[in-house]
Amino acid sequence: MYVPEDRTAKAIIRDVALELFSEQWPAAASLKQVAERAKVSQSLIIKHYGSREGLVAAVDAHVLGMLGNALEVLADTSGTGPPDRFLASADALSAPATTRYLAHLLVGTTTRSVEAYRMVQGFTDSLVRRMAEAGAVAEDTDRAQLAVVLLAHELSIILLRDRIADVLGADPVGRDGLRRWWDTIDRLYAGTAIRHPSPPTA
C-alpha cells in the first residue's frame, strides 16, 4: 500500500503543486508559481525534486499511489461490504484537486497519460489475479475483461466526479454519496435495480 510522505517541506511542496497543476495542468504552471503559492524558494524545490519535470513525476506518483490504495480494496475478500472497504481509502481521494488531476492525467494524449493508465490497469490486473486465487472470481470469467470493467467503473466516479455531483446533488467520492453509489451498483449487478417488462397478455 502506498504511504505518502506527510507534512514535511518536500510533501508540502508536492501538495501545493498538485493543487496548482489541477487548476492549470503542469505544462501551464511554472516553478515560480509553485514557489509563490508554497511560500518557499525555487531553489528549495530544485533541491527536493531536481527540476519541474521531477516535481511533476512526484505528483503523478502521489496521485496514482492514492488511486492504487482505493483500488486495493477490490481484492479484499474478508466479506466486509464494498462501501466500508472503499470508504477507508475514499478520504484520500476526496480532495477535488486530486480527482481533477487524475482526470487530466488519465484521459490525456501524452506519453505520460498512456503510461499512467497502463500502470493503473496493470495494478488492477494483479488485483483480479489475487481475487481469483482467493476464489472470489467465477472460473468462467474472462479475467482480463473483468479487470478492465472494474477499473472503468472505479475511474468513472473519479473522472466524472464534478458532473455526477451536479446531477445527484451529492459528492460520489464523499462518504454519503459513495454509500448511495455502491447500493445502486450492488442492486444493478444483482439484477434487482432494473426489471424486465412483462410480456403483453393476449
Protein backbone atom coordinates (compact mmCIF):
# COMPACT_ATOMS: atom_id res chain seq x y z
CA MET A 1 0.00 0.00 0.00
CA TYR A 2 1.21 3.49 -0.85
CA VAL A 3 2.04 5.60 2.24
CA PRO A 4 2.54 9.25 1.29
CA GLU A 5 5.15 11.40 2.97
CA ASP A 6 3.24 13.89 5.07
CA ARG A 7 3.79 17.47 6.24
CA THR A 8 7.50 17.70 5.51
CA ALA A 9 8.63 20.67 3.42
CA LYS A 10 9.02 18.29 0.49
CA ALA A 11 5.48 16.94 0.91
CA ILE A 12 4.01 20.44 1.29
CA ILE A 13 5.63 21.49 -1.99
CA ARG A 14 4.20 18.38 -3.67
CA ASP A 15 0.71 19.06 -2.32
CA VAL A 16 0.79 22.71 -3.39
CA ALA A 17 2.00 21.66 -6.84
CA LEU A 18 -0.85 19.15 -7.05
CA GLU A 19 -3.37 21.88 -6.29
CA LEU A 20 -1.83 24.28 -8.81
CA PHE A 21 -1.40 21.63 -11.51
CA SER A 22 -5.03 20.56 -11.11
CA GLU A 23 -6.06 24.12 -11.95
CA GLN A 24 -3.66 24.80 -14.82
CA TRP A 25 -2.14 21.44 -15.78
CA PRO A 26 1.63 21.06 -15.33
CA ALA A 27 2.61 22.41 -18.74
CA ALA A 28 1.00 25.76 -17.90
CA ALA A 29 2.36 26.14 -14.37
CA SER A 30 5.87 27.32 -13.58
CA LEU A 31 8.15 26.57 -10.66
CA LYS A 32 7.88 30.24 -9.76
CA GLN A 33 4.12 29.87 -9.32
CA VAL A 34 4.57 26.76 -7.19
CA ALA A 35 7.18 28.51 -5.06
CA GLU A 36 4.99 31.57 -4.55
CA ARG A 37 1.96 29.52 -3.50
CA ALA A 38 4.01 27.23 -1.24
CA LYS A 39 5.87 30.26 0.18
CA VAL A 40 9.26 28.68 -0.47
CA SER A 41 12.16 29.47 -2.77
CA GLN A 42 12.54 27.92 -6.20
CA SER A 43 15.95 26.67 -5.08
CA LEU A 44 14.28 24.60 -2.34
CA ILE A 45 12.01 22.98 -4.92
CA ILE A 46 15.05 22.17 -7.06
CA LYS A 47 16.81 20.75 -4.01
CA HIS A 48 13.97 18.31 -3.33
CA TYR A 49 12.83 17.46 -6.87
CA GLY A 50 15.70 18.37 -9.19
CA SER A 51 13.54 20.08 -11.82
CA ARG A 52 9.97 20.91 -12.77
CA GLU A 53 9.78 17.55 -14.53
CA GLY A 54 10.89 15.85 -11.33
CA LEU A 55 8.15 17.63 -9.40
CA VAL A 56 5.54 16.61 -11.98
CA ALA A 57 6.72 12.99 -11.76
CA ALA A 58 6.42 13.11 -7.96
CA VAL A 59 2.86 14.45 -8.16
CA ASP A 60 1.98 11.74 -10.70
CA ALA A 61 3.35 9.04 -8.40
CA HIS A 62 1.48 10.50 -5.42
CA VAL A 63 -1.98 10.61 -7.01
CA LEU A 64 -1.54 7.22 -8.68
CA GLY A 65 -0.46 5.77 -5.35
CA MET A 66 -3.62 7.06 -3.69
CA LEU A 67 -5.71 5.67 -6.53
CA GLY A 68 -3.95 2.34 -6.08
CA ASN A 69 -4.89 2.35 -2.40
CA ALA A 70 -8.54 2.87 -3.31
CA LEU A 71 -8.43 0.07 -5.89
CA GLU A 72 -6.71 -2.24 -3.42
CA VAL A 73 -9.98 -2.80 -1.58
CA LEU A 74 -11.34 -4.65 -4.60
CA ALA A 75 -9.06 -7.56 -3.71
CA ASP A 76 -10.30 -7.67 -0.11
CA THR A 77 -12.16 -10.96 0.27
CA SER A 78 -12.78 -10.60 4.01
CA GLY A 79 -16.51 -10.36 3.46
CA THR A 80 -16.82 -6.73 4.52
CA GLY A 81 -19.25 -4.80 2.34
CA PRO A 82 -17.73 -2.85 -0.57
CA PRO A 83 -18.75 0.57 0.81
CA ASP A 84 -16.94 0.01 4.10
CA ARG A 85 -13.83 -1.28 2.35
CA PHE A 86 -13.78 1.59 -0.12
CA LEU A 87 -14.55 4.33 2.39
CA ALA A 88 -11.24 3.78 4.15
CA SER A 89 -9.45 4.94 1.01
CA ALA A 90 -12.08 7.36 -0.30
CA ASP A 91 -10.95 10.13 2.03
CA ALA A 92 -7.56 10.19 0.33
CA LEU A 93 -9.28 10.85 -3.00
CA SER A 94 -11.83 13.29 -1.61
CA ALA A 95 -9.82 16.44 -2.36
CA PRO A 96 -11.16 17.96 -5.60
CA ALA A 97 -7.61 18.79 -6.69
CA THR A 98 -6.71 15.09 -6.61
CA THR A 99 -9.64 13.96 -8.71
CA ARG A 100 -9.18 16.81 -11.19
CA TYR A 101 -5.50 15.94 -11.56
CA LEU A 102 -6.29 12.26 -12.11
CA ALA A 103 -8.84 13.21 -14.75
CA HIS A 104 -6.24 15.27 -16.59
CA LEU A 105 -3.58 12.60 -16.26
CA LEU A 106 -5.54 9.50 -17.24
CA VAL A 107 -7.50 10.84 -20.22
CA GLY A 108 -4.73 12.90 -21.78
CA THR A 109 -2.97 12.01 -25.01
CA THR A 110 0.62 12.41 -23.84
CA THR A 111 3.05 9.58 -23.23
CA ARG A 112 2.72 10.31 -19.50
CA SER A 113 -1.02 9.72 -19.69
CA VAL A 114 -0.69 6.48 -21.65
CA GLU A 115 1.93 5.13 -19.26
CA ALA A 116 -0.10 6.18 -16.21
CA TYR A 117 -3.20 4.38 -17.44
CA ARG A 118 -1.23 1.25 -18.30
CA MET A 119 0.30 1.27 -14.83
CA VAL A 120 -3.11 1.52 -13.15
CA GLN A 121 -4.54 -1.18 -15.42
CA GLY A 122 -1.60 -3.43 -14.59
CA PHE A 123 -2.26 -2.90 -10.91
CA THR A 124 -5.92 -3.81 -11.41
CA ASP A 125 -4.91 -6.93 -13.35
CA SER A 126 -2.84 -8.06 -10.37
CA LEU A 127 -5.76 -7.42 -8.01
CA VAL A 128 -8.04 -9.59 -10.13
CA ARG A 129 -5.45 -12.38 -10.05
CA ARG A 130 -5.41 -12.16 -6.26
CA MET A 131 -9.21 -12.22 -6.16
CA ALA A 132 -9.20 -15.31 -8.39
CA GLU A 133 -6.65 -17.05 -6.17
CA ALA A 134 -8.92 -16.38 -3.19
CA GLY A 135 -11.87 -17.94 -5.03
CA ALA A 136 -13.69 -14.63 -5.47
CA VAL A 137 -13.86 -14.82 -9.29
CA ALA A 138 -16.03 -17.33 -11.13
CA GLU A 139 -13.96 -19.81 -13.13
CA ASP A 140 -15.66 -18.98 -16.43
CA THR A 141 -15.00 -15.24 -16.08
CA ASP A 142 -12.63 -13.54 -18.53
CA ARG A 143 -10.20 -12.07 -16.00
CA ALA A 144 -8.66 -9.54 -18.39
CA GLN A 145 -12.12 -8.24 -19.28
CA LEU A 146 -13.13 -8.18 -15.62
CA ALA A 147 -10.07 -6.09 -14.72
CA VAL A 148 -10.88 -3.56 -17.44
CA VAL A 149 -14.54 -3.31 -16.38
CA LEU A 150 -13.68 -2.93 -12.69
CA LEU A 151 -11.17 -0.18 -13.43
CA ALA A 152 -13.58 1.64 -15.75
CA HIS A 153 -16.23 1.56 -13.03
CA GLU A 154 -13.92 2.90 -10.33
CA LEU A 155 -12.50 5.59 -12.59
CA SER A 156 -15.93 6.76 -13.70
CA ILE A 157 -16.82 8.24 -10.32
CA ILE A 158 -13.41 9.88 -10.10
CA LEU A 159 -13.15 11.31 -13.60
CA LEU A 160 -16.81 12.42 -13.70
CA ARG A 161 -16.97 13.45 -10.06
CA ASP A 162 -17.99 17.08 -10.60
CA ARG A 163 -20.62 16.25 -13.23
CA ILE A 164 -22.14 13.46 -11.10
CA ALA A 165 -22.26 15.75 -8.08
CA ASP A 166 -24.08 18.39 -10.15
CA VAL A 167 -26.74 15.88 -11.20
CA LEU A 168 -27.21 13.95 -7.94
CA GLY A 169 -26.55 16.77 -5.50
CA ALA A 170 -24.05 14.61 -3.61
CA ASP A 171 -20.32 14.08 -4.00
CA PRO A 172 -19.92 10.49 -5.32
CA VAL A 173 -16.49 10.25 -3.67
CA GLY A 174 -17.79 11.59 -0.35
CA ARG A 175 -18.90 9.11 2.27
CA ASP A 176 -22.66 9.57 1.88
CA GLY A 177 -22.50 9.74 -1.90
CA LEU A 178 -20.27 6.68 -2.10
CA ARG A 179 -22.63 4.60 0.01
CA ARG A 180 -25.54 5.54 -2.27
CA TRP A 181 -23.41 4.77 -5.33
CA TRP A 182 -22.44 1.32 -4.07
CA ASP A 183 -26.02 0.50 -3.10
CA THR A 184 -27.18 1.20 -6.65
CA ILE A 185 -24.27 -0.72 -8.18
CA ASP A 186 -24.95 -3.72 -5.93
CA ARG A 187 -28.60 -3.75 -6.97
CA LEU A 188 -27.66 -3.34 -10.63
CA TYR A 189 -25.19 -6.24 -10.55
CA ALA A 190 -27.66 -8.38 -8.58
CA GLY A 191 -30.31 -7.79 -11.21
CA THR A 192 -32.76 -6.11 -8.83
CA ALA A 193 -32.44 -2.49 -9.99
CA ILE A 194 -33.91 -2.96 -13.47
CA ARG A 195 -36.96 -5.06 -14.19
CA HIS A 196 -37.77 -6.67 -17.49
CA PRO A 197 -41.28 -5.70 -18.54
CA SER A 198 -43.84 -8.46 -18.50
CA PRO A 199 -44.89 -9.64 -21.96
CA PRO A 200 -48.25 -8.28 -23.04
CA THR A 201 -51.16 -10.56 -22.39
CA ALA A 202 -53.19 -11.77 -25.33
